[in-house]
Amino acid sequence: MKTLILSALAFILSGQVSTEVKTKEATVYICTGPKSKKYHASSSCRGLSKCSGSIKQLSMSSAKAKGYTPCKICYK
């Protein structure tokens, strides 16, 4: 039993088993227009219907870092 535990520990420590946990970041949508300040959960949100620029997809953390706040329609 002790040998089995030591073998498993050596296998893990050798780097052959990945212990990295990958998290999937939420994708949001923003309008690139000059007055846009909100990020949206869906590209079809009615809050984006009058977008004067283009609609851009990015991560939620990137949107927050750029100063965007959640849309009150998408995030009730």
PDB file of N, CA and C in Angstrom:
ATOM      1  N   MET A   1       0.836  -1.194   0.000  1.00  0.00           N
ATOM      2  CA  MET A   1       0.000   0.000   0.000  1.00  0.00           C
ATOM      3  C   MET A   1       0.879   1.256   0.000  1.00  0.00           C
ATOM      4  N   LYS A   2       1.924   1.225   0.836  1.00  0.00           N
ATOM      5  CA  LYS A   2       2.835   2.362   0.924  1.00  0.00           C
ATOM      6  C   LYS A   2       3.524   2.604  -0.417  1.00  0.00           C
ATOM      7  N   THR A   3       3.882   1.550  -1.124  1.00  0.00           N
ATOM      8  CA  THR A   3       4.530   1.658  -2.426  1.00  0.00           C
ATOM      9  C   THR A   3       3.593   2.285  -3.450  1.00  0.00           C
ATOM     10  N   LEU A   4       2.320   1.906  -3.399  1.00  0.00           N
ATOM     11  CA  LEU A   4       1.332   2.444  -4.322  1.00  0.00           C
ATOM     12  C   LEU A   4       1.160   3.950  -4.105  1.00  0.00           C
ATOM     13  N   ILE A   5       1.108   4.377  -2.869  1.00  0.00           N
ATOM     14  CA  ILE A   5       0.961   5.802  -2.552  1.00  0.00           C
ATOM     15  C   ILE A   5       2.193   6.572  -3.004  1.00  0.00           C
ATOM     16  N   LEU A   6       3.359   6.037  -2.744  1.00  0.00           N
ATOM     17  CA  LEU A   6       4.591   6.701  -3.159  1.00  0.00           C
ATOM     18  C   LEU A   6       4.691   6.780  -4.681  1.00  0.00           C
ATOM     19  N   SER A   7       4.251   5.753  -5.376  1.00  0.00           N
ATOM     20  CA  SER A   7       4.277   5.757  -6.846  1.00  0.00           C
ATOM     21  C   SER A   7       3.330   6.818  -7.401  1.00  0.00           C
ATOM     22  N   ALA A   8       2.142   6.909  -6.808  1.00  0.00           N
ATOM     23  CA  ALA A   8       1.168   7.913  -7.247  1.00  0.00           C
ATOM     24  C   ALA A   8       1.692   9.310  -6.986  1.00  0.00           C
ATOM     25  N   LEU A   9       2.295   9.525  -5.841  1.00  0.00           N
ATOM     26  CA  LEU A   9       2.852  10.831  -5.497  1.00  0.00           C
ATOM     27  C   LEU A   9       3.992  11.203  -6.453  1.00  0.00           C
ATOM     28  N   ALA A  10       4.833  10.260  -6.781  1.00  0.00           N
ATOM     29  CA  ALA A  10       5.937  10.516  -7.710  1.00  0.00           C
ATOM     30  C   ALA A  10       5.397  10.855  -9.093  1.00  0.00           C
ATOM     31  N   PHE A  11       4.339  10.195  -9.517  1.00  0.00           N
ATOM     32  CA  PHE A  11       3.718  10.450 -10.816  1.00  0.00           C
ATOM     33  C   PHE A  11       3.162  11.873 -10.872  1.00  0.00           C
ATOM     34  N   ILE A  12       2.493  12.269  -9.809  1.00  0.00           N
ATOM     35  CA  ILE A  12       1.911  13.612  -9.756  1.00  0.00           C
ATOM     36  C   ILE A  12       3.006  14.676  -9.733  1.00  0.00           C
ATOM     37  N   LEU A  13       4.008  14.459  -8.939  1.00  0.00           N
ATOM     38  CA  LEU A  13       5.087  15.434  -8.816  1.00  0.00           C
ATOM     39  C   LEU A  13       5.951  15.517 -10.079  1.00  0.00           C
ATOM     40  N   SER A  14       5.923  14.488 -10.906  1.00  0.00           N
ATOM     41  CA  SER A  14       6.731  14.499 -12.120  1.00  0.00           C
ATOM     42  C   SER A  14       6.142  15.417 -13.189  1.00  0.00           C
ATOM     43  N   GLY A  15       4.940  15.934 -12.943  1.00  0.00           N
ATOM     44  CA  GLY A  15       4.340  16.860 -13.894  1.00  0.00           C
ATOM     45  C   GLY A  15       3.519  16.191 -14.973  1.00  0.00           C
ATOM     46  N   GLN A  16       3.297  14.905 -14.869  1.00  0.00           N
ATOM     47  CA  GLN A  16       2.538  14.195 -15.885  1.00  0.00           C
ATOM     48  C   GLN A  16       1.033  14.354 -15.682  1.00  0.00           C
ATOM     49  N   VAL A  17       0.634  14.848 -14.532  1.00  0.00           N
ATOM     50  CA  VAL A  17      -0.779  15.095 -14.260  1.00  0.00           C
ATOM     51  C   VAL A  17      -0.953  16.593 -14.087  1.00  0.00           C
ATOM     52  N   SER A  18      -1.833  17.177 -14.841  1.00  0.00           N
ATOM     53  CA  SER A  18      -2.076  18.610 -14.761  1.00  0.00           C
ATOM     54  C   SER A  18      -3.040  18.892 -13.629  1.00  0.00           C
ATOM     55  N   THR A  19      -2.648  19.773 -12.728  1.00  0.00           N
ATOM     56  CA  THR A  19      -3.530  20.155 -11.619  1.00  0.00           C
ATOM     57  C   THR A  19      -4.123  21.534 -11.862  1.00  0.00           C
ATOM     58  N   GLU A  20      -3.845  22.088 -13.035  1.00  0.00           N
ATOM     59  CA  GLU A  20      -4.346  23.409 -13.371  1.00  0.00           C
ATOM     60  C   GLU A  20      -5.850  23.342 -13.627  1.00  0.00           C
ATOM     61  N   VAL A  21      -6.575  24.272 -13.032  1.00  0.00           N
ATOM     62  CA  VAL A  21      -8.014  24.347 -13.234  1.00  0.00           C
ATOM     63  C   VAL A  21      -8.283  25.519 -14.152  1.00  0.00           C
ATOM     64  N   LYS A  22      -8.929  25.252 -15.262  1.00  0.00           N
ATOM     65  CA  LYS A  22      -9.236  26.314 -16.215  1.00  0.00           C
ATOM     66  C   LYS A  22     -10.668  26.772 -15.990  1.00  0.00           C
ATOM     67  N   THR A  23     -10.835  28.069 -15.884  1.00  0.00           N
ATOM     68  CA  THR A  23     -12.176  28.612 -15.720  1.00  0.00           C
ATOM     69  C   THR A  23     -12.605  29.261 -17.021  1.00  0.00           C
ATOM     70  N   LYS A  24     -13.846  29.066 -17.345  1.00  0.00           N
ATOM     71  CA  LYS A  24     -14.377  29.661 -18.564  1.00  0.00           C
ATOM     72  C   LYS A  24     -14.931  31.031 -18.207  1.00  0.00           C
ATOM     73  N   GLU A  25     -14.381  32.031 -18.815  1.00  0.00           N
ATOM     74  CA  GLU A  25     -14.811  33.397 -18.542  1.00  0.00           C
ATOM     75  C   GLU A  25     -16.039  33.736 -19.376  1.00  0.00           C
ATOM     76  N   ALA A  26     -16.940  34.478 -18.766  1.00  0.00           N
ATOM     77  CA  ALA A  26     -18.173  34.867 -19.449  1.00  0.00           C
ATOM     78  C   ALA A  26     -17.868  35.819 -20.608  1.00  0.00           C
ATOM     79  N   THR A  27     -18.557  35.614 -21.701  1.00  0.00           N
ATOM     80  CA  THR A  27     -18.449  36.481 -22.865  1.00  0.00           C
ATOM     81  C   THR A  27     -19.576  37.495 -22.815  1.00  0.00           C
ATOM     82  N   VAL A  28     -19.259  38.746 -23.060  1.00  0.00           N
ATOM     83  CA  VAL A  28     -20.262  39.810 -23.080  1.00  0.00           C
ATOM     84  C   VAL A  28     -20.119  40.596 -24.382  1.00  0.00           C
ATOM     85  N   TYR A  29     -21.076  41.482 -24.618  1.00  0.00           N
ATOM     86  CA  TYR A  29     -21.103  42.273 -25.841  1.00  0.00           C
ATOM     87  C   TYR A  29     -21.209  43.746 -25.488  1.00  0.00           C
ATOM     88  N   ILE A  30     -20.456  44.560 -26.210  1.00  0.00           N
ATOM     89  CA  ILE A  30     -20.501  46.006 -25.996  1.00  0.00           C
ATOM     90  C   ILE A  30     -20.725  46.701 -27.335  1.00  0.00           C
ATOM     91  N   CYS A  31     -21.248  47.907 -27.245  1.00  0.00           N
ATOM     92  CA  CYS A  31     -21.367  48.764 -28.413  1.00  0.00           C
ATOM     93  C   CYS A  31     -20.129  49.647 -28.426  1.00  0.00           C
ATOM     94  N   THR A  32     -19.519  49.836 -29.567  1.00  0.00           N
ATOM     95  CA  THR A  32     -18.310  50.656 -29.647  1.00  0.00           C
ATOM     96  C   THR A  32     -18.621  52.130 -29.900  1.00  0.00           C
ATOM     97  N   GLY A  33     -19.902  52.489 -29.846  1.00  0.00           N
ATOM     98  CA  GLY A  33     -20.298  53.888 -30.032  1.00  0.00           C
ATOM     99  C   GLY A  33     -19.755  54.783 -28.927  1.00  0.00           C
ATOM    100  N   PRO A  34     -19.673  56.088 -29.169  1.00  0.00           N
ATOM    101  CA  PRO A  34     -19.053  57.015 -28.215  1.00  0.00           C
ATOM    102  C   PRO A  34     -19.791  57.171 -26.878  1.00  0.00           C
ATOM    103  N   LYS A  35     -21.081  56.885 -26.835  1.00  0.00           N
ATOM    104  CA  LYS A  35     -21.847  57.055 -25.594  1.00  0.00           C
ATOM    105  C   LYS A  35     -22.123  55.736 -24.881  1.00  0.00           C
ATOM    106  N   SER A  36     -21.614  54.657 -25.374  1.00  0.00           N
ATOM    107  CA  SER A  36     -21.867  53.336 -24.813  1.00  0.00           C
ATOM    108  C   SER A  36     -21.147  53.153 -23.477  1.00  0.00           C
ATOM    109  N   LYS A  37     -21.879  52.635 -22.468  1.00  0.00           N
ATOM    110  CA  LYS A  37     -21.297  52.426 -21.142  1.00  0.00           C
ATOM    111  C   LYS A  37     -21.686  51.092 -20.518  1.00  0.00           C
ATOM    112  N   LYS A  38     -22.464  50.284 -21.233  1.00  0.00           N
ATOM    113  CA  LYS A  38     -22.984  49.030 -20.674  1.00  0.00           C
ATOM    114  C   LYS A  38     -22.456  47.823 -21.434  1.00  0.00           C
ATOM    115  N   TYR A  39     -22.342  46.694 -20.722  1.00  0.00           N
ATOM    116  CA  TYR A  39     -22.062  45.427 -21.395  1.00  0.00           C
ATOM    117  C   TYR A  39     -23.305  44.560 -21.304  1.00  0.00           C
ATOM    118  N   HIS A  40     -23.475  43.675 -22.287  1.00  0.00           N
ATOM    119  CA  HIS A  40     -24.702  42.913 -22.453  1.00  0.00           C
ATOM    120  C   HIS A  40     -24.411  41.418 -22.491  1.00  0.00           C
ATOM    121  N   ALA A  41     -25.347  40.615 -22.002  1.00  0.00           N
ATOM    122  CA  ALA A  41     -25.197  39.159 -21.986  1.00  0.00           C
ATOM    123  C   ALA A  41     -25.429  38.551 -23.362  1.00  0.00           C
ATOM    124  N   SER A  42     -26.168  39.248 -24.211  1.00  0.00           N
ATOM    125  CA  SER A  42     -26.513  38.726 -25.529  1.00  0.00           C
ATOM    126  C   SER A  42     -26.333  39.809 -26.586  1.00  0.00           C
ATOM    127  N   SER A  43     -25.911  39.407 -27.745  1.00  0.00           N
ATOM    128  CA  SER A  43     -25.754  40.377 -28.834  1.00  0.00           C
ATOM    129  C   SER A  43     -27.110  40.824 -29.370  1.00  0.00           C
ATOM    130  N   SER A  44     -28.168  40.113 -29.007  1.00  0.00           N
ATOM    131  CA  SER A  44     -29.507  40.478 -29.453  1.00  0.00           C
ATOM    132  C   SER A  44     -30.296  41.252 -28.401  1.00  0.00           C
ATOM    133  N   CYS A  45     -29.637  41.713 -27.345  1.00  0.00           N
ATOM    134  CA  CYS A  45     -30.306  42.510 -26.308  1.00  0.00           C
ATOM    135  C   CYS A  45     -30.886  43.772 -26.940  1.00  0.00           C
ATOM    136  N   ARG A  46     -32.096  44.160 -26.534  1.00  0.00           N
ATOM    137  CA  ARG A  46     -32.703  45.360 -27.111  1.00  0.00           C
ATOM    138  C   ARG A  46     -31.936  46.626 -26.720  1.00  0.00           C
ATOM    139  N   GLY A  47     -31.106  46.548 -25.687  1.00  0.00           N
ATOM    140  CA  GLY A  47     -30.258  47.680 -25.312  1.00  0.00           C
ATOM    141  C   GLY A  47     -29.193  47.983 -26.353  1.00  0.00           C
ATOM    142  N   LEU A  48     -28.906  47.022 -27.200  1.00  0.00           N
ATOM    143  CA  LEU A  48     -27.924  47.210 -28.274  1.00  0.00           C
ATOM    144  C   LEU A  48     -28.579  47.595 -29.602  1.00  0.00           C
ATOM    145  N   SER A  49     -29.901  47.699 -29.629  1.00  0.00           N
ATOM    146  CA  SER A  49     -30.603  47.925 -30.893  1.00  0.00           C
ATOM    147  C   SER A  49     -30.307  49.286 -31.529  1.00  0.00           C
ATOM    148  N   LYS A  50     -29.924  50.254 -30.724  1.00  0.00           N
ATOM    149  CA  LYS A  50     -29.621  51.583 -31.270  1.00  0.00           C
ATOM    150  C   LYS A  50     -28.127  51.898 -31.229  1.00  0.00           C
ATOM    151  N   CYS A  51     -27.327  50.870 -31.266  1.00  0.00           N
ATOM    152  CA  CYS A  51     -25.875  51.044 -31.221  1.00  0.00           C
ATOM    153  C   CYS A  51     -25.410  51.833 -32.445  1.00  0.00           C
ATOM    154  N   SER A  52     -24.694  52.934 -32.197  1.00  0.00           N
ATOM    155  CA  SER A  52     -24.225  53.770 -33.308  1.00  0.00           C
ATOM    156  C   SER A  52     -22.886  53.294 -33.871  1.00  0.00           C
ATOM    157  N   GLY A  53     -22.218  52.415 -33.141  1.00  0.00           N
ATOM    158  CA  GLY A  53     -20.957  51.849 -33.615  1.00  0.00           C
ATOM    159  C   GLY A  53     -21.171  50.405 -34.012  1.00  0.00           C
ATOM    160  N   SER A  54     -20.189  49.594 -33.752  1.00  0.00           N
ATOM    161  CA  SER A  54     -20.336  48.164 -34.011  1.00  0.00           C
ATOM    162  C   SER A  54     -20.475  47.433 -32.678  1.00  0.00           C
ATOM    163  N   ILE A  55     -20.948  46.199 -32.729  1.00  0.00           N
ATOM    164  CA  ILE A  55     -21.084  45.383 -31.529  1.00  0.00           C
ATOM    165  C   ILE A  55     -19.860  44.484 -31.446  1.00  0.00           C
ATOM    166  N   LYS A  56     -19.192  44.531 -30.313  1.00  0.00           N
ATOM    167  CA  LYS A  56     -17.937  43.805 -30.130  1.00  0.00           C
ATOM    168  C   LYS A  56     -18.101  42.783 -29.009  1.00  0.00           C
ATOM    169  N   GLN A  57     -17.543  41.606 -29.190  1.00  0.00           N
ATOM    170  CA  GLN A  57     -17.575  40.536 -28.196  1.00  0.00           C
ATOM    171  C   GLN A  57     -16.256  40.552 -27.420  1.00  0.00           C
ATOM    172  N   LEU A  58     -16.328  40.465 -26.089  1.00  0.00           N
ATOM    173  CA  LEU A  58     -15.125  40.385 -25.274  1.00  0.00           C
ATOM    174  C   LEU A  58     -15.441  39.731 -23.940  1.00  0.00           C
ATOM    175  N   SER A  59     -14.447  39.510 -23.120  1.00  0.00           N
ATOM    176  CA  SER A  59     -14.667  38.885 -21.816  1.00  0.00           C
ATOM    177  C   SER A  59     -15.245  39.906 -20.842  1.00  0.00           C
ATOM    178  N   MET A  60     -15.957  39.403 -19.852  1.00  0.00           N
ATOM    179  CA  MET A  60     -16.569  40.287 -18.870  1.00  0.00           C
ATOM    180  C   MET A  60     -15.501  41.079 -18.111  1.00  0.00           C
ATOM    181  N   SER A  61     -14.387  40.455 -17.783  1.00  0.00           N
ATOM    182  CA  SER A  61     -13.339  41.165 -17.051  1.00  0.00           C
ATOM    183  C   SER A  61     -12.746  42.301 -17.889  1.00  0.00           C
ATOM    184  N   SER A  62     -12.632  42.095 -19.192  1.00  0.00           N
ATOM    185  CA  SER A  62     -12.133  43.153 -20.079  1.00  0.00           C
ATOM    186  C   SER A  62     -13.124  44.311 -20.151  1.00  0.00           C
ATOM    187  N   ALA A  63     -14.402  43.977 -20.226  1.00  0.00           N
ATOM    188  CA  ALA A  63     -15.431  45.020 -20.273  1.00  0.00           C
ATOM    189  C   ALA A  63     -15.423  45.843 -18.987  1.00  0.00           C
ATOM    190  N   LYS A  64     -15.321  45.155 -17.853  1.00  0.00           N
ATOM    191  CA  LYS A  64     -15.275  45.865 -16.565  1.00  0.00           C
ATOM    192  C   LYS A  64     -14.023  46.732 -16.463  1.00  0.00           C
ATOM    193  N   ALA A  65     -12.899  46.205 -16.947  1.00  0.00           N
ATOM    194  CA  ALA A  65     -11.642  46.959 -16.904  1.00  0.00           C
ATOM    195  C   ALA A  65     -11.713  48.224 -17.750  1.00  0.00           C
ATOM    196  N   LYS A  66     -12.534  48.197 -18.801  1.00  0.00           N
ATOM    197  CA  LYS A  66     -12.696  49.373 -19.663  1.00  0.00           C
ATOM    198  C   LYS A  66     -13.766  50.330 -19.150  1.00  0.00           C
ATOM    199  N   GLY A  67     -14.360  50.005 -17.991  1.00  0.00           N
ATOM    200  CA  GLY A  67     -15.332  50.904 -17.372  1.00  0.00           C
ATOM    201  C   GLY A  67     -16.788  50.634 -17.701  1.00  0.00           C
ATOM    202  N   TYR A  68     -17.067  49.545 -18.405  1.00  0.00           N
ATOM    203  CA  TYR A  68     -18.445  49.201 -18.725  1.00  0.00           C
ATOM    204  C   TYR A  68     -19.133  48.600 -17.497  1.00  0.00           C
ATOM    205  N   THR A  69     -20.426  48.845 -17.368  1.00  0.00           N
ATOM    206  CA  THR A  69     -21.228  48.302 -16.278  1.00  0.00           C
ATOM    207  C   THR A  69     -22.334  47.425 -16.866  1.00  0.00           C
ATOM    208  N   PRO A  70     -22.966  46.553 -16.057  1.00  0.00           N
ATOM    209  CA  PRO A  70     -23.974  45.634 -16.604  1.00  0.00           C
ATOM    210  C   PRO A  70     -25.230  46.335 -17.104  1.00  0.00           C
ATOM    211  N   CYS A  71     -25.778  45.826 -18.168  1.00  0.00           N
ATOM    212  CA  CYS A  71     -27.036  46.294 -18.731  1.00  0.00           C
ATOM    213  C   CYS A  71     -28.173  45.934 -17.757  1.00  0.00           C
ATOM    214  N   LYS A  72     -29.072  46.862 -17.515  1.00  0.00           N
ATOM    215  CA  LYS A  72     -30.175  46.600 -16.595  1.00  0.00           C
ATOM    216  C   LYS A  72     -31.235  45.703 -17.207  1.00  0.00           C
ATOM    217  N   ILE A  73     -31.219  45.515 -18.504  1.00  0.00           N
ATOM    218  CA  ILE A  73     -32.159  44.611 -19.165  1.00  0.00           C
ATOM    219  C   ILE A  73     -31.635  43.182 -19.040  1.00  0.00           C
ATOM    220  N   CYS A  74     -30.365  42.984 -19.366  1.00  0.00           N
ATOM    221  CA  CYS A  74     -29.761  41.654 -19.341  1.00  0.00           C
ATOM    222  C   CYS A  74     -29.544  41.115 -17.927  1.00  0.00           C
ATOM    223  N   TYR A  75     -29.135  41.980 -17.039  1.00  0.00           N
ATOM    224  CA  TYR A  75     -28.746  41.579 -15.684  1.00  0.00           C
ATOM    225  C   TYR A  75     -29.702  42.168 -14.664  1.00  0.00           C
ATOM    226  N   LYS A  76     -30.929  41.645 -14.646  1.00  0.00           N
ATOM    227  CA  LYS A  76     -31.959  42.130 -13.718  1.00  0.00           C
ATOM    228  C   LYS A  76     -31.647  41.735 -12.308  1.00  0.00           C
TER     229      LYS A  76
END
